[in-house]
Amino acid sequence: MTILQLKKLNTFAAICKVEGKKESDYDVAKGKNAGEKAAICFSRMRLIYKPFNGKKKADFANTEQPKYYVWADIIADTSRPFGFRLSCDGYVCDNSYSFLGARPYLLNSSHVRIVFEQFTYEHEQWMHWENMANQE
């Protein structure tokens, strides 16, 4: 898909249509607890990332293949208004960090900002439920 086509995939419903999935199968409200909700959010994110990777697959045995991920945070200080924002696109190649946890990867760095900006709500939900699950 071209960048223009990918930018048109700006809703979860559009992603489901392109991937031939039912949106109701990814309903976070179906989760019985924070852990299940986090798992559903993670599944949603993996599905969102899929068309952006196209036919490419992350090869975790290949340390030469760059893998990019969204690194977002919540800002709350006196110099900036409170908000959820993209800090940077993280890059993992030959290092492993245990604090990253499970996360979907993009194989093209130019897609990171597009995916985050089009699916900020989904990223925010994922971060929320993942953090809630860690507190259980």
Protein backbone atom coordinates (compact mmCIF):
# COMPACT_ATOMS: atom_id res chain seq x y z
CA MET A 1 0.00 0.00 0.00
CA THR A 2 1.12 3.54 -0.67
CA ILE A 3 1.44 6.17 2.07
CA LEU A 4 -1.70 7.86 0.72
CA GLN A 5 -3.66 4.60 0.98
CA LEU A 6 -2.32 3.95 4.48
CA LYS A 7 -3.35 7.46 5.60
CA LYS A 8 -6.91 6.62 4.54
CA LEU A 9 -6.91 3.75 7.03
CA ASN A 10 -7.63 6.17 9.85
CA THR A 11 -10.24 4.24 11.82
CA PHE A 12 -10.25 0.83 13.44
CA ALA A 13 -13.29 -0.05 11.31
CA ALA A 14 -11.27 0.67 8.16
CA ILE A 15 -8.43 -1.54 9.42
CA CYS A 16 -10.87 -4.38 10.14
CA LYS A 17 -12.40 -4.06 6.67
CA VAL A 18 -9.00 -4.21 4.95
CA GLU A 19 -7.87 -7.15 7.09
CA GLY A 20 -11.18 -9.04 6.77
CA LYS A 21 -11.85 -9.03 10.54
CA LYS A 22 -14.94 -8.25 12.60
CA GLU A 23 -14.62 -5.13 14.72
CA SER A 24 -16.75 -6.72 17.45
CA ASP A 25 -14.06 -9.40 17.98
CA TYR A 26 -11.78 -6.62 19.29
CA ASP A 27 -14.20 -4.96 21.73
CA VAL A 28 -12.25 -3.99 24.84
CA ALA A 29 -15.46 -3.91 26.90
CA LYS A 30 -15.63 -7.72 26.57
CA GLY A 31 -12.61 -8.04 28.86
CA LYS A 32 -13.53 -9.20 32.37
CA ASN A 33 -10.54 -7.61 34.08
CA ALA A 34 -7.62 -5.29 33.32
CA GLY A 35 -5.44 -8.16 32.07
CA GLU A 36 -8.04 -9.29 29.52
CA LYS A 37 -8.69 -5.69 28.44
CA ALA A 38 -4.93 -5.16 27.98
CA ALA A 39 -4.73 -8.34 25.87
CA ILE A 40 -7.61 -7.15 23.67
CA CYS A 41 -5.96 -3.74 23.27
CA PHE A 42 -2.72 -5.47 22.29
CA SER A 43 -4.61 -7.53 19.69
CA ARG A 44 -6.16 -4.34 18.33
CA MET A 45 -2.72 -2.76 18.04
CA ARG A 46 -1.27 -5.80 16.26
CA LEU A 47 -4.15 -5.66 13.78
CA ILE A 48 -3.65 -1.91 13.24
CA TYR A 49 0.06 -2.39 12.55
CA LYS A 50 -0.52 -5.24 10.10
CA PRO A 51 -1.41 -3.25 6.94
CA PHE A 52 1.41 -0.80 7.69
CA ASN A 53 3.92 -3.66 7.56
CA GLY A 54 2.37 -5.12 4.41
CA LYS A 55 3.71 -8.55 3.60
CA LYS A 56 6.87 -7.99 5.66
CA LYS A 57 7.21 -9.93 8.91
CA ALA A 58 9.39 -9.09 11.86
CA ASP A 59 12.22 -11.61 12.05
CA PHE A 60 13.29 -11.63 15.68
CA ALA A 61 16.21 -13.94 14.92
CA ASN A 62 17.61 -11.32 12.54
CA THR A 63 19.42 -8.64 14.55
CA GLU A 64 20.11 -6.70 11.34
CA GLN A 65 16.41 -6.07 10.66
CA PRO A 66 15.33 -2.77 12.23
CA LYS A 67 12.03 -2.83 14.13
CA TYR A 68 10.34 0.41 15.13
CA TYR A 69 7.69 0.96 17.76
CA VAL A 70 5.66 3.84 19.09
CA TRP A 71 7.04 5.33 22.29
CA ALA A 72 4.35 7.48 23.85
CA ASP A 73 4.03 9.10 27.23
CA ILE A 74 1.78 11.29 29.31
CA ILE A 75 3.10 14.77 29.99
CA ALA A 76 2.12 16.58 33.16
CA ASP A 77 4.37 19.43 34.22
CA THR A 78 4.22 23.19 34.55
CA SER A 79 5.83 23.92 31.18
CA ARG A 80 3.34 21.88 29.13
CA PRO A 81 -0.33 21.07 29.28
CA PHE A 82 -1.29 17.54 30.29
CA GLY A 83 -1.51 15.25 27.31
CA PHE A 84 -0.72 11.97 25.65
CA ARG A 85 1.94 12.40 22.99
CA LEU A 86 4.45 10.60 20.81
CA SER A 87 7.87 10.93 22.42
CA CYS A 88 9.82 9.26 19.66
CA ASP A 89 9.89 6.25 17.46
CA GLY A 90 11.87 3.64 19.30
CA TYR A 91 14.23 1.44 17.37
CA VAL A 92 15.19 -2.07 18.33
CA CYS A 93 17.77 -4.00 16.38
CA ASP A 94 20.35 -5.82 18.42
CA ASN A 95 19.39 -4.76 21.94
CA SER A 96 16.71 -6.16 24.17
CA TYR A 97 15.13 -4.23 26.98
CA SER A 98 12.92 -5.99 29.49
CA PHE A 99 11.03 -2.78 30.30
CA LEU A 100 9.62 -2.65 26.76
CA GLY A 101 7.41 -5.66 27.28
CA ALA A 102 5.37 -7.05 24.42
CA ARG A 103 4.68 -4.53 21.71
CA PRO A 104 3.84 -4.55 18.04
CA TYR A 105 6.58 -3.43 15.69
CA LEU A 106 6.61 -1.46 12.49
CA LEU A 107 9.22 -2.29 9.90
CA ASN A 108 9.26 1.21 8.39
CA SER A 109 10.22 4.19 10.57
CA SER A 110 8.17 6.63 8.47
CA HIS A 111 4.98 4.80 9.48
CA VAL A 112 5.43 5.37 13.22
CA ARG A 113 4.08 8.92 13.31
CA ILE A 114 1.25 8.10 10.90
CA VAL A 115 0.10 5.13 12.99
CA PHE A 116 0.31 7.08 16.25
CA GLU A 117 -1.49 10.16 14.94
CA GLN A 118 -4.27 8.13 13.32
CA PHE A 119 -4.69 5.77 16.29
CA THR A 120 -3.81 7.89 19.31
CA TYR A 121 -6.93 6.76 21.16
CA GLU A 122 -6.06 3.08 20.67
CA HIS A 123 -2.49 3.65 21.87
CA GLU A 124 -3.78 5.52 24.91
CA GLN A 125 -6.23 2.72 25.74
CA TRP A 126 -3.52 0.11 25.35
CA MET A 127 -1.16 2.02 27.67
CA HIS A 128 -3.95 2.51 30.23
CA TRP A 129 -5.05 -1.14 30.38
CA GLU A 130 -1.48 -2.44 30.25
CA ASN A 131 -0.62 -0.28 33.28
CA MET A 132 -3.82 -1.31 35.08
CA ALA A 133 -3.01 -4.99 34.45
CA ASN A 134 0.46 -4.50 35.93
CA GLN A 135 -1.14 -3.16 39.13
CA GLU A 136 -3.45 -6.16 39.61
